[in-house]
C-alpha atoms as a PDB file:
ATOM      1  CA  MET A   1     -20.364  -5.228   3.645  1.00  0.00           C
ATOM      2  CA  ILE A   2     -18.279  -2.148   4.022  1.00  0.00           C
ATOM      3  CA  TRP A   3     -20.010   1.548   3.542  1.00  0.00           C
ATOM      4  CA  TRP A   4     -17.801   4.553   2.946  1.00  0.00           C
ATOM      5  CA  GLN A   5     -19.031   8.161   1.959  1.00  0.00           C
ATOM      6  CA  SER A   6     -16.987  11.218   0.368  1.00  0.00           C
ATOM      7  CA  PHE A   7     -18.387  14.567   1.035  1.00  0.00           C
ATOM      8  CA  ASP A   8     -16.229  16.680  -1.639  1.00  0.00           C
ATOM      9  CA  PHE A   9     -14.342  15.798  -4.659  1.00  0.00           C
ATOM     10  CA  THR A  10     -10.647  16.954  -5.028  1.00  0.00           C
ATOM     11  CA  GLU A  11      -7.542  15.087  -6.384  1.00  0.00           C
ATOM     12  CA  SER A  12      -7.596  11.435  -5.513  1.00  0.00           C
ATOM     13  CA  SER A  13      -4.682  10.140  -3.307  1.00  0.00           C
ATOM     14  CA  VAL A  14      -5.744   6.521  -2.944  1.00  0.00           C
ATOM     15  CA  VAL A  15      -7.447   4.354  -5.516  1.00  0.00           C
ATOM     16  CA  ILE A  16      -8.282   0.626  -4.981  1.00  0.00           C
ATOM     17  CA  LYS A  17      -9.710  -1.362  -7.537  1.00  0.00           C
ATOM     18  CA  ASN A  18     -10.971  -5.157  -7.415  1.00  0.00           C
ATOM     19  CA  LEU A  19      -9.379  -5.641  -3.928  1.00  0.00           C
ATOM     20  CA  ASN A  20      -9.533  -9.391  -3.031  1.00  0.00           C
ATOM     21  CA  PHE A  21      -8.115 -10.554   0.464  1.00  0.00           C
ATOM     22  CA  SER A  22      -8.196 -14.054   2.200  1.00  0.00           C
ATOM     23  CA  TYR A  23      -7.365 -15.206   5.542  1.00  0.00           C
ATOM     24  CA  LYS A  24      -7.325 -18.790   6.728  1.00  0.00           C
ATOM     25  CA  ASN A  25      -9.665 -19.854   3.794  1.00  0.00           C
ATOM     26  CA  LYS A  26     -11.936 -17.075   4.600  1.00  0.00           C
ATOM     27  CA  GLN A  27     -12.541 -14.134   1.913  1.00  0.00           C
ATOM     28  CA  ILE A  28     -12.549 -11.156   3.841  1.00  0.00           C
ATOM     29  CA  LEU A  29     -12.520  -8.716   0.913  1.00  0.00           C
ATOM     30  CA  LYS A  30     -14.199  -9.284  -2.357  1.00  0.00           C
ATOM     31  CA  ASP A  31     -13.879  -6.896  -5.437  1.00  0.00           C
ATOM     32  CA  PHE A  32     -13.649  -4.034  -3.217  1.00  0.00           C
ATOM     33  CA  ASN A  33     -13.474  -0.584  -4.844  1.00  0.00           C
ATOM     34  CA  LEU A  34     -12.784   2.730  -3.486  1.00  0.00           C
ATOM     35  CA  GLU A  35     -11.307   6.229  -3.948  1.00  0.00           C
ATOM     36  CA  ILE A  36     -10.020   8.527  -1.337  1.00  0.00           C
ATOM     37  CA  PHE A  37      -9.665  12.182  -2.156  1.00  0.00           C
ATOM     38  CA  GLU A  38      -7.112  14.610  -0.259  1.00  0.00           C
ATOM     39  CA  LYS A  39      -8.332  16.895   2.260  1.00  0.00           C
ATOM     40  CA  GLU A  40     -11.502  14.790   2.696  1.00  0.00           C
ATOM     41  CA  ILE A  41     -13.227  13.205   5.817  1.00  0.00           C
ATOM     42  CA  TYR A  42     -14.270   9.595   5.518  1.00  0.00           C
ATOM     43  CA  VAL A  43     -16.276   7.216   7.495  1.00  0.00           C
ATOM     44  CA  LEU A  44     -15.666   3.461   7.402  1.00  0.00           C
ATOM     45  CA  LEU A  45     -18.701   1.604   8.718  1.00  0.00           C
ATOM     46  CA  GLY A  46     -19.318  -2.461   8.803  1.00  0.00           C
ATOM     47  CA  ASN A  47     -20.224  -5.194  10.841  1.00  0.00           C
ATOM     48  CA  ASN A  48     -17.493  -7.089  12.952  1.00  0.00           C
ATOM     49  CA  GLY A  49     -15.475  -9.195  10.460  1.00  0.00           C
ATOM     50  CA  SER A  50     -16.705  -7.149   7.489  1.00  0.00           C
ATOM     51  CA  GLY A  51     -12.868  -6.310   6.681  1.00  0.00           C
ATOM     52  CA  LYS A  52     -12.457  -2.747   7.925  1.00  0.00           C
ATOM     53  CA  SER A  53      -9.380  -3.580  10.054  1.00  0.00           C
ATOM     54  CA  THR A  54      -7.975  -5.671   7.256  1.00  0.00           C
ATOM     55  CA  LEU A  55      -8.475  -2.823   4.688  1.00  0.00           C
ATOM     56  CA  PHE A  56      -6.534  -0.152   6.899  1.00  0.00           C
ATOM     57  CA  ASN A  57      -3.674  -3.131   7.851  1.00  0.00           C
ATOM     58  CA  ILE A  58      -3.293  -3.564   4.006  1.00  0.00           C
ATOM     59  CA  LEU A  59      -3.057   0.038   3.321  1.00  0.00           C
ATOM     60  CA  THR A  60      -0.393   0.604   6.191  1.00  0.00           C
ATOM     61  CA  ASN A  61       1.503  -2.705   5.498  1.00  0.00           C
ATOM     62  CA  GLN A  62       0.639  -4.116   8.612  1.00  0.00           C
ATOM     63  CA  THR A  63      -0.390  -7.302   7.442  1.00  0.00           C
ATOM     64  CA  ASP A  64       0.572 -10.013   4.609  1.00  0.00           C
ATOM     65  CA  GLN A  65       0.572  -8.207   1.217  1.00  0.00           C
ATOM     66  CA  ASN A  66      -0.958 -11.334  -0.384  1.00  0.00           C
ATOM     67  CA  TYR A  67      -3.844  -9.521  -1.832  1.00  0.00           C
ATOM     68  CA  THR A  68      -5.057  -9.394  -5.519  1.00  0.00           C
ATOM     69  CA  GLY A  69      -6.217  -6.152  -7.170  1.00  0.00           C
ATOM     70  CA  SER A  70      -4.747  -2.772  -7.523  1.00  0.00           C
ATOM     71  CA  ILE A  71      -3.935  -0.084  -4.763  1.00  0.00           C
ATOM     72  CA  GLN A  72      -2.226   3.043  -5.588  1.00  0.00           C
ATOM     73  CA  ILE A  73      -1.271   5.737  -3.276  1.00  0.00           C
ATOM     74  CA  ASN A  74      -0.356   8.982  -4.816  1.00  0.00           C
ATOM     75  CA  GLY A  75       0.004   7.169  -8.065  1.00  0.00           C
ATOM     76  CA  ILE A  76       2.395   4.759  -7.152  1.00  0.00           C
ATOM     77  CA  SER A  77       1.563   1.064  -6.906  1.00  0.00           C
ATOM     78  CA  LEU A  78       1.595  -0.400  -3.256  1.00  0.00           C
ATOM     79  CA  HIS A  79       3.155  -3.638  -4.768  1.00  0.00           C
ATOM     80  CA  GLU A  80       6.218  -1.657  -6.054  1.00  0.00           C
ATOM     81  CA  PHE A  81       7.339   0.643  -3.489  1.00  0.00           C
ATOM     82  CA  GLN A  82      10.401   0.187  -1.423  1.00  0.00           C
ATOM     83  CA  ASN A  83       9.987   3.181   0.940  1.00  0.00           C
ATOM     84  CA  TRP A  84       6.920   3.677   2.991  1.00  0.00           C
ATOM     85  CA  ASN A  85       7.900   7.319   3.606  1.00  0.00           C
ATOM     86  CA  GLN A  86       7.318   8.197  -0.301  1.00  0.00           C
ATOM     87  CA  PHE A  87       3.565   7.785   0.288  1.00  0.00           C
ATOM     88  CA  TRP A  88       3.022   9.724   3.506  1.00  0.00           C
ATOM     89  CA  ARG A  89       3.864  13.300   3.365  1.00  0.00           C
END
C-alpha cells in the first residue's frame, strides 16, 4: 500500500485515476488514485515492492507504458503525448 499526504490545495497538475500496472504476472498497482497539486510537497511512503518506483517510472516514461487507468499531466493524457518537454516546464 502506498501512502501520500498533501499539505495545501492549489491547482492540480497531475491527476491519476484507477491506475493498474502488472509486471511479470504480479499486480504492482491496483486502482491507484492520486492528485498532485502545484507548489506542494509530497511524501511517498510504502513497503519494498509496493509500487513507489513503478509509479515514478510510469510518470517519467522510464518503464513500459502498458498500464490501464488515466494519467493526466497539466491536462494532457500521458498516452497521447509525443513531446515530453510539453509536461515539464
